[in-house]
N, C-alpha and C. Protein backbone atom coordinates (compact mmCIF):
# COMPACT_ATOMS: atom_id res chain seq x y z
N MET A 1 24.93 -65.47 -35.30
CA MET A 1 26.35 -65.28 -35.45
C MET A 1 26.79 -65.54 -36.89
N GLU A 2 26.29 -66.58 -37.51
CA GLU A 2 26.73 -66.94 -38.86
C GLU A 2 26.27 -65.91 -39.88
N SER A 3 25.20 -65.22 -39.59
CA SER A 3 24.63 -64.27 -40.55
C SER A 3 25.49 -63.03 -40.74
N ILE A 4 26.35 -62.70 -39.79
CA ILE A 4 27.13 -61.47 -39.90
C ILE A 4 28.02 -61.47 -41.14
N GLY A 5 28.55 -62.63 -41.52
CA GLY A 5 29.36 -62.71 -42.74
C GLY A 5 28.54 -62.41 -43.97
N VAL A 6 27.33 -62.94 -44.01
CA VAL A 6 26.43 -62.68 -45.14
C VAL A 6 26.06 -61.21 -45.19
N TYR A 7 25.71 -60.63 -44.04
CA TYR A 7 25.34 -59.23 -43.99
C TYR A 7 26.50 -58.33 -44.41
N THR A 8 27.72 -58.68 -44.01
CA THR A 8 28.89 -57.89 -44.36
C THR A 8 29.12 -57.88 -45.87
N VAL A 9 29.07 -59.04 -46.49
CA VAL A 9 29.27 -59.13 -47.94
C VAL A 9 28.15 -58.41 -48.67
N CYS A 10 26.91 -58.64 -48.27
CA CYS A 10 25.78 -57.98 -48.92
C CYS A 10 25.88 -56.46 -48.78
N SER A 11 26.29 -56.01 -47.64
CA SER A 11 26.45 -54.57 -47.41
C SER A 11 27.50 -53.98 -48.34
N LYS A 12 28.61 -54.66 -48.51
CA LYS A 12 29.68 -54.18 -49.39
C LYS A 12 29.22 -54.05 -50.83
N PHE A 13 28.30 -54.92 -51.26
CA PHE A 13 27.82 -54.92 -52.64
C PHE A 13 26.43 -54.29 -52.77
N ASN A 14 25.96 -53.64 -51.69
CA ASN A 14 24.64 -52.99 -51.67
C ASN A 14 23.51 -53.94 -52.08
N ILE A 15 23.55 -55.14 -51.53
CA ILE A 15 22.52 -56.14 -51.80
C ILE A 15 21.70 -56.33 -50.52
N PRO A 16 20.38 -56.14 -50.59
CA PRO A 16 19.57 -56.35 -49.39
C PRO A 16 19.51 -57.83 -49.02
N CYS A 17 19.45 -58.10 -47.74
CA CYS A 17 19.34 -59.48 -47.28
C CYS A 17 18.56 -59.51 -45.97
N VAL A 18 18.09 -60.69 -45.65
CA VAL A 18 17.36 -60.87 -44.40
C VAL A 18 17.74 -62.24 -43.84
N GLY A 19 17.88 -62.31 -42.54
CA GLY A 19 18.17 -63.58 -41.89
C GLY A 19 16.94 -64.07 -41.14
N ILE A 20 16.56 -65.31 -41.39
CA ILE A 20 15.41 -65.89 -40.71
C ILE A 20 15.89 -67.11 -39.94
N ARG A 21 15.64 -67.12 -38.66
CA ARG A 21 16.10 -68.22 -37.81
C ARG A 21 14.90 -68.81 -37.09
N ILE A 22 15.06 -70.03 -36.69
CA ILE A 22 14.00 -70.69 -35.92
C ILE A 22 14.62 -71.37 -34.71
N ILE A 23 13.96 -71.25 -33.60
CA ILE A 23 14.35 -72.00 -32.40
C ILE A 23 13.33 -73.12 -32.26
N SER A 24 13.79 -74.33 -32.46
CA SER A 24 12.85 -75.45 -32.53
C SER A 24 12.55 -76.08 -31.16
N ASN A 25 13.43 -75.86 -30.21
CA ASN A 25 13.16 -76.39 -28.86
C ASN A 25 13.90 -75.55 -27.84
N ASN A 26 13.62 -75.75 -26.59
CA ASN A 26 14.21 -74.95 -25.54
C ASN A 26 14.67 -75.89 -24.42
N GLU A 27 15.97 -75.99 -24.24
CA GLU A 27 16.51 -76.90 -23.22
C GLU A 27 16.17 -76.46 -21.81
N LEU A 28 16.02 -75.16 -21.61
CA LEU A 28 15.70 -74.66 -20.27
C LEU A 28 14.32 -75.08 -19.80
N LEU A 29 13.39 -75.18 -20.75
CA LEU A 29 12.01 -75.56 -20.40
C LEU A 29 11.73 -77.02 -20.70
N ASN A 30 12.75 -77.77 -21.13
CA ASN A 30 12.61 -79.18 -21.49
C ASN A 30 11.52 -79.41 -22.54
N GLU A 31 11.44 -78.50 -23.50
CA GLU A 31 10.48 -78.66 -24.58
C GLU A 31 10.98 -79.71 -25.57
N MET A 32 10.07 -80.47 -26.10
CA MET A 32 10.41 -81.47 -27.11
C MET A 32 10.58 -80.79 -28.46
N LEU A 33 11.39 -81.39 -29.31
CA LEU A 33 11.59 -80.89 -30.65
C LEU A 33 10.28 -81.01 -31.44
N ASP A 34 9.87 -79.90 -32.04
CA ASP A 34 8.65 -79.87 -32.84
C ASP A 34 9.04 -79.70 -34.30
N LYS A 35 9.11 -80.81 -35.03
CA LYS A 35 9.54 -80.78 -36.42
C LYS A 35 8.57 -80.01 -37.31
N SER A 36 7.34 -79.87 -36.89
CA SER A 36 6.36 -79.16 -37.71
C SER A 36 6.74 -77.68 -37.85
N LYS A 37 7.43 -77.11 -36.86
CA LYS A 37 7.87 -75.72 -36.96
C LYS A 37 8.86 -75.55 -38.10
N ALA A 38 9.80 -76.47 -38.22
CA ALA A 38 10.78 -76.41 -39.30
C ALA A 38 10.10 -76.59 -40.65
N THR A 39 9.15 -77.50 -40.72
CA THR A 39 8.42 -77.73 -41.97
C THR A 39 7.65 -76.49 -42.37
N LYS A 40 6.98 -75.85 -41.42
CA LYS A 40 6.22 -74.63 -41.72
C LYS A 40 7.15 -73.51 -42.18
N LEU A 41 8.32 -73.39 -41.56
CA LEU A 41 9.28 -72.37 -41.97
C LEU A 41 9.78 -72.64 -43.38
N GLN A 42 10.06 -73.90 -43.70
CA GLN A 42 10.50 -74.24 -45.05
C GLN A 42 9.43 -73.88 -46.08
N GLU A 43 8.18 -74.16 -45.77
CA GLU A 43 7.08 -73.82 -46.68
C GLU A 43 6.97 -72.31 -46.85
N LEU A 44 7.09 -71.57 -45.77
CA LEU A 44 7.02 -70.12 -45.83
C LEU A 44 8.13 -69.56 -46.70
N LEU A 45 9.35 -70.02 -46.48
CA LEU A 45 10.49 -69.53 -47.25
C LEU A 45 10.38 -69.92 -48.72
N PHE A 46 9.94 -71.13 -48.99
CA PHE A 46 9.76 -71.57 -50.37
C PHE A 46 8.77 -70.68 -51.09
N ASN A 47 7.63 -70.41 -50.44
CA ASN A 47 6.61 -69.56 -51.05
C ASN A 47 7.10 -68.12 -51.21
N LEU A 48 7.86 -67.63 -50.26
CA LEU A 48 8.40 -66.28 -50.34
C LEU A 48 9.38 -66.17 -51.50
N ILE A 49 10.27 -67.13 -51.64
CA ILE A 49 11.26 -67.11 -52.73
C ILE A 49 10.57 -67.31 -54.07
N LEU A 50 9.62 -68.21 -54.12
CA LEU A 50 8.90 -68.47 -55.36
C LEU A 50 8.14 -67.21 -55.80
N PHE A 51 7.49 -66.56 -54.85
CA PHE A 51 6.73 -65.35 -55.17
C PHE A 51 7.64 -64.24 -55.68
N LYS A 52 8.81 -64.07 -55.03
CA LYS A 52 9.77 -63.04 -55.44
C LYS A 52 10.33 -63.33 -56.82
N ALA A 53 10.49 -64.61 -57.16
CA ALA A 53 11.09 -64.98 -58.43
C ALA A 53 10.14 -64.74 -59.59
N LEU A 54 8.85 -64.70 -59.33
CA LEU A 54 7.86 -64.54 -60.41
C LEU A 54 7.76 -63.12 -60.84
């Protein structure tokens, strides 16, 4: 839901964008929060941004 504002602005200025979301737990299945998923996503995004910046 929050990404629609970003997509709208980027679209108006012809700037490509991508939204990456993570679901860290599931209340329906009583899954425990797995912080390692968030850490792995942060590492992936950091490497992606760093690679693009070079």
